[in-house]
Amino acid sequence: MVEVGSESVPPRNRRLLVTTRNVQPLAYTIDEVLRAYPIGRTKLYELLATKQIPSFMTGKRRMVRVASLEAFLLAQEQAAS
């Protein structure tokens, strides 16, 4: 067993723990976008519908690339200054 913080990790799971601990998402679900950025659900869907924030479907789930969201926010910041 290996102690990681307050949890004991069996040797067979050690590699999984190391490889997944710092993985950054490439895309957010709608709920994750709303948690990460203070914007209303209606406004977000309006921005998605007008393609100001590009999105794609994975099965029935709508996803927004993190890079697309960051580009939109940067453009908004530059427009405001």
N, C-alpha and C. Protein backbone atom coordinates (compact mmCIF):
# COMPACT_ATOMS: atom_id res chain seq x y z
N MET A 1 0.83 -1.18 0.00
CA MET A 1 0.00 0.00 0.00
C MET A 1 0.88 1.25 0.00
N VAL A 2 0.40 2.26 -0.67
CA VAL A 2 1.09 3.55 -0.72
C VAL A 2 0.15 4.58 -0.12
N GLU A 3 0.66 5.42 0.75
CA GLU A 3 -0.14 6.48 1.34
C GLU A 3 -0.13 7.70 0.42
N VAL A 4 -1.31 8.15 0.00
CA VAL A 4 -1.46 9.35 -0.82
C VAL A 4 -2.44 10.25 -0.08
N GLY A 5 -1.91 11.31 0.54
CA GLY A 5 -2.78 12.14 1.36
C GLY A 5 -3.28 11.30 2.52
N SER A 6 -4.59 11.20 2.65
CA SER A 6 -5.17 10.41 3.72
C SER A 6 -5.68 9.06 3.23
N GLU A 7 -5.40 8.71 1.96
CA GLU A 7 -5.91 7.46 1.42
C GLU A 7 -4.78 6.48 1.13
N SER A 8 -5.06 5.21 1.30
CA SER A 8 -4.12 4.15 0.96
C SER A 8 -4.47 3.62 -0.42
N VAL A 9 -3.47 3.52 -1.28
CA VAL A 9 -3.69 3.08 -2.65
C VAL A 9 -2.96 1.77 -2.87
N PRO A 10 -3.69 0.71 -3.25
CA PRO A 10 -3.02 -0.56 -3.54
C PRO A 10 -2.07 -0.41 -4.72
N PRO A 11 -0.98 -1.18 -4.76
CA PRO A 11 0.01 -1.07 -5.84
C PRO A 11 -0.59 -1.17 -7.24
N ARG A 12 -1.60 -2.02 -7.43
CA ARG A 12 -2.16 -2.19 -8.77
C ARG A 12 -2.88 -0.93 -9.25
N ASN A 13 -3.32 -0.06 -8.34
CA ASN A 13 -4.03 1.17 -8.71
C ASN A 13 -3.13 2.40 -8.70
N ARG A 14 -1.88 2.23 -8.32
CA ARG A 14 -0.97 3.36 -8.20
C ARG A 14 -0.77 4.07 -9.54
N ARG A 15 -0.58 3.32 -10.61
CA ARG A 15 -0.36 3.94 -11.92
C ARG A 15 -1.60 4.70 -12.38
N LEU A 16 -2.76 4.15 -12.16
CA LEU A 16 -4.01 4.83 -12.50
C LEU A 16 -4.11 6.14 -11.75
N LEU A 17 -3.77 6.14 -10.46
CA LEU A 17 -3.82 7.35 -9.65
C LEU A 17 -2.88 8.41 -10.19
N VAL A 18 -1.68 8.02 -10.54
CA VAL A 18 -0.68 8.96 -11.04
C VAL A 18 -1.10 9.53 -12.40
N THR A 19 -1.65 8.72 -13.28
CA THR A 19 -1.95 9.19 -14.62
C THR A 19 -3.24 10.00 -14.71
N THR A 20 -4.16 9.85 -13.76
CA THR A 20 -5.43 10.56 -13.88
C THR A 20 -5.56 11.74 -12.92
N ARG A 21 -4.66 11.92 -12.01
CA ARG A 21 -4.81 12.95 -10.99
C ARG A 21 -4.79 14.37 -11.57
N ASN A 22 -3.96 14.67 -12.56
CA ASN A 22 -3.81 16.03 -13.06
C ASN A 22 -4.33 16.21 -14.48
N VAL A 23 -5.26 15.42 -14.90
CA VAL A 23 -5.80 15.50 -16.25
C VAL A 23 -6.79 16.67 -16.32
N GLN A 24 -6.57 17.56 -17.27
CA GLN A 24 -7.47 18.70 -17.48
C GLN A 24 -8.47 18.34 -18.56
N PRO A 25 -9.73 18.72 -18.39
CA PRO A 25 -10.73 18.38 -19.41
C PRO A 25 -10.49 19.16 -20.70
N LEU A 26 -10.81 18.56 -21.83
CA LEU A 26 -10.74 19.24 -23.12
C LEU A 26 -12.06 19.90 -23.45
N ALA A 27 -13.13 19.41 -22.84
CA ALA A 27 -14.47 19.95 -23.11
C ALA A 27 -15.31 19.87 -21.85
N TYR A 28 -16.27 20.78 -21.76
CA TYR A 28 -17.19 20.83 -20.63
C TYR A 28 -18.60 20.47 -21.10
N THR A 29 -19.37 19.88 -20.19
CA THR A 29 -20.81 19.76 -20.42
C THR A 29 -21.42 21.13 -20.11
N ILE A 30 -22.69 21.30 -20.43
CA ILE A 30 -23.37 22.56 -20.15
C ILE A 30 -23.32 22.88 -18.66
N ASP A 31 -23.61 21.91 -17.83
CA ASP A 31 -23.58 22.14 -16.38
C ASP A 31 -22.19 22.52 -15.89
N GLU A 32 -21.15 21.93 -16.47
CA GLU A 32 -19.78 22.28 -16.08
C GLU A 32 -19.43 23.69 -16.52
N VAL A 33 -19.90 24.12 -17.69
CA VAL A 33 -19.68 25.50 -18.14
C VAL A 33 -20.33 26.45 -17.14
N LEU A 34 -21.55 26.14 -16.74
CA LEU A 34 -22.27 27.01 -15.81
C LEU A 34 -21.61 27.07 -14.44
N ARG A 35 -20.98 25.99 -14.02
CA ARG A 35 -20.25 26.00 -12.74
C ARG A 35 -18.94 26.76 -12.86
N ALA A 36 -18.28 26.66 -14.00
CA ALA A 36 -16.97 27.26 -14.17
C ALA A 36 -17.04 28.77 -14.46
N TYR A 37 -18.08 29.20 -15.12
CA TYR A 37 -18.19 30.60 -15.53
C TYR A 37 -19.55 31.14 -15.11
N PRO A 38 -19.57 32.30 -14.45
CA PRO A 38 -20.83 32.86 -13.94
C PRO A 38 -21.70 33.45 -15.06
N ILE A 39 -22.47 32.62 -15.69
CA ILE A 39 -23.36 33.05 -16.77
C ILE A 39 -24.66 32.26 -16.61
N GLY A 40 -25.77 32.86 -16.97
CA GLY A 40 -27.05 32.18 -16.84
C GLY A 40 -27.24 31.12 -17.91
N ARG A 41 -28.05 30.12 -17.60
CA ARG A 41 -28.31 29.03 -18.54
C ARG A 41 -28.94 29.55 -19.83
N THR A 42 -29.91 30.47 -19.72
CA THR A 42 -30.58 31.01 -20.91
C THR A 42 -29.59 31.76 -21.79
N LYS A 43 -28.73 32.58 -21.18
CA LYS A 43 -27.73 33.33 -21.94
C LYS A 43 -26.74 32.38 -22.61
N LEU A 44 -26.34 31.32 -21.91
CA LEU A 44 -25.41 30.36 -22.50
C LEU A 44 -26.04 29.71 -23.73
N TYR A 45 -27.29 29.27 -23.63
CA TYR A 45 -27.94 28.65 -24.78
C TYR A 45 -28.11 29.64 -25.93
N GLU A 46 -28.32 30.91 -25.62
CA GLU A 46 -28.39 31.94 -26.67
C GLU A 46 -27.05 32.06 -27.38
N LEU A 47 -25.96 32.09 -26.63
CA LEU A 47 -24.62 32.17 -27.22
C LEU A 47 -24.29 30.93 -28.04
N LEU A 48 -24.76 29.78 -27.60
CA LEU A 48 -24.55 28.54 -28.36
C LEU A 48 -25.37 28.55 -29.65
N ALA A 49 -26.61 29.03 -29.57
CA ALA A 49 -27.50 29.04 -30.74
C ALA A 49 -26.98 29.99 -31.82
N THR A 50 -26.39 31.10 -31.41
CA THR A 50 -25.86 32.08 -32.38
C THR A 50 -24.43 31.78 -32.78
N LYS A 51 -23.90 30.63 -32.30
CA LYS A 51 -22.54 30.16 -32.63
C LYS A 51 -21.44 31.10 -32.12
N GLN A 52 -21.77 31.97 -31.17
CA GLN A 52 -20.72 32.80 -30.56
C GLN A 52 -19.80 31.94 -29.71
N ILE A 53 -20.36 30.87 -29.16
CA ILE A 53 -19.57 29.84 -28.48
C ILE A 53 -19.86 28.54 -29.22
N PRO A 54 -18.88 28.01 -29.95
CA PRO A 54 -19.11 26.76 -30.68
C PRO A 54 -19.30 25.58 -29.71
N SER A 55 -20.10 24.62 -30.12
CA SER A 55 -20.33 23.43 -29.32
C SER A 55 -20.52 22.24 -30.25
N PHE A 56 -20.55 21.06 -29.65
CA PHE A 56 -20.78 19.84 -30.43
C PHE A 56 -21.55 18.85 -29.57
N MET A 57 -22.12 17.88 -30.23
CA MET A 57 -22.88 16.85 -29.53
C MET A 57 -22.06 15.57 -29.46
N THR A 58 -22.10 14.93 -28.30
CA THR A 58 -21.55 13.59 -28.11
C THR A 58 -22.72 12.75 -27.63
N GLY A 59 -23.29 12.01 -28.54
CA GLY A 59 -24.54 11.30 -28.22
C GLY A 59 -25.63 12.34 -28.01
N LYS A 60 -26.23 12.36 -26.84
CA LYS A 60 -27.27 13.35 -26.52
C LYS A 60 -26.73 14.51 -25.70
N ARG A 61 -25.44 14.48 -25.40
CA ARG A 61 -24.83 15.49 -24.53
C ARG A 61 -24.16 16.59 -25.34
N ARG A 62 -24.50 17.84 -25.05
CA ARG A 62 -23.86 18.98 -25.70
C ARG A 62 -22.58 19.31 -24.94
N MET A 63 -21.49 19.48 -25.68
CA MET A 63 -20.18 19.77 -25.10
C MET A 63 -19.63 21.07 -25.67
N VAL A 64 -18.85 21.77 -24.86
CA VAL A 64 -18.18 23.01 -25.27
C VAL A 64 -16.70 22.81 -25.01
N ARG A 65 -15.90 22.99 -26.05
CA ARG A 65 -14.45 22.86 -25.88
C ARG A 65 -13.95 23.96 -24.94
N VAL A 66 -13.05 23.61 -24.05
CA VAL A 66 -12.48 24.58 -23.12
C VAL A 66 -11.81 25.71 -23.90
N ALA A 67 -11.10 25.38 -24.96
CA ALA A 67 -10.41 26.39 -25.77
C ALA A 67 -11.41 27.35 -26.41
N SER A 68 -12.56 26.86 -26.85
CA SER A 68 -13.58 27.72 -27.45
C SER A 68 -14.15 28.68 -26.42
N LEU A 69 -14.38 28.18 -25.23
CA LEU A 69 -14.92 29.03 -24.17
C LEU A 69 -13.91 30.09 -23.76
N GLU A 70 -12.65 29.70 -23.64
CA GLU A 70 -11.61 30.66 -23.29
C GLU A 70 -11.44 31.71 -24.38
N ALA A 71 -11.53 31.32 -25.65
CA ALA A 71 -11.43 32.28 -26.75
C ALA A 71 -12.58 33.27 -26.71
N PHE A 72 -13.78 32.80 -26.41
CA PHE A 72 -14.94 33.68 -26.30
C PHE A 72 -14.74 34.68 -25.17
N LEU A 73 -14.28 34.21 -24.01
CA LEU A 73 -14.08 35.11 -22.88
C LEU A 73 -13.00 36.13 -23.15
N LEU A 74 -11.94 35.74 -23.82
CA LEU A 74 -10.86 36.66 -24.19
C LEU A 74 -11.38 37.72 -25.15
N ALA A 75 -12.18 37.32 -26.13
CA ALA A 75 -12.76 38.27 -27.08
C ALA A 75 -13.67 39.27 -26.36
N GLN A 76 -14.45 38.79 -25.38
CA GLN A 76 -15.32 39.68 -24.61
C GLN A 76 -14.50 40.68 -23.80
N GLU A 77 -13.42 40.21 -23.24
CA GLU A 77 -12.54 41.08 -22.45
C GLU A 77 -11.90 42.15 -23.33
N GLN A 78 -11.44 41.76 -24.51
CA GLN A 78 -10.82 42.72 -25.43
C GLN A 78 -11.83 43.72 -25.96
N ALA A 79 -13.06 43.29 -26.20
CA ALA A 79 -14.10 44.19 -26.69
C ALA A 79 -14.49 45.22 -25.63
N ALA A 80 -14.37 44.84 -24.36
CA ALA A 80 -14.77 45.73 -23.28
C ALA A 80 -13.71 46.80 -23.01
N SER A 81 -12.49 46.59 -23.44
CA SER A 81 -11.43 47.56 -23.15
C SER A 81 -11.14 48.47 -24.32
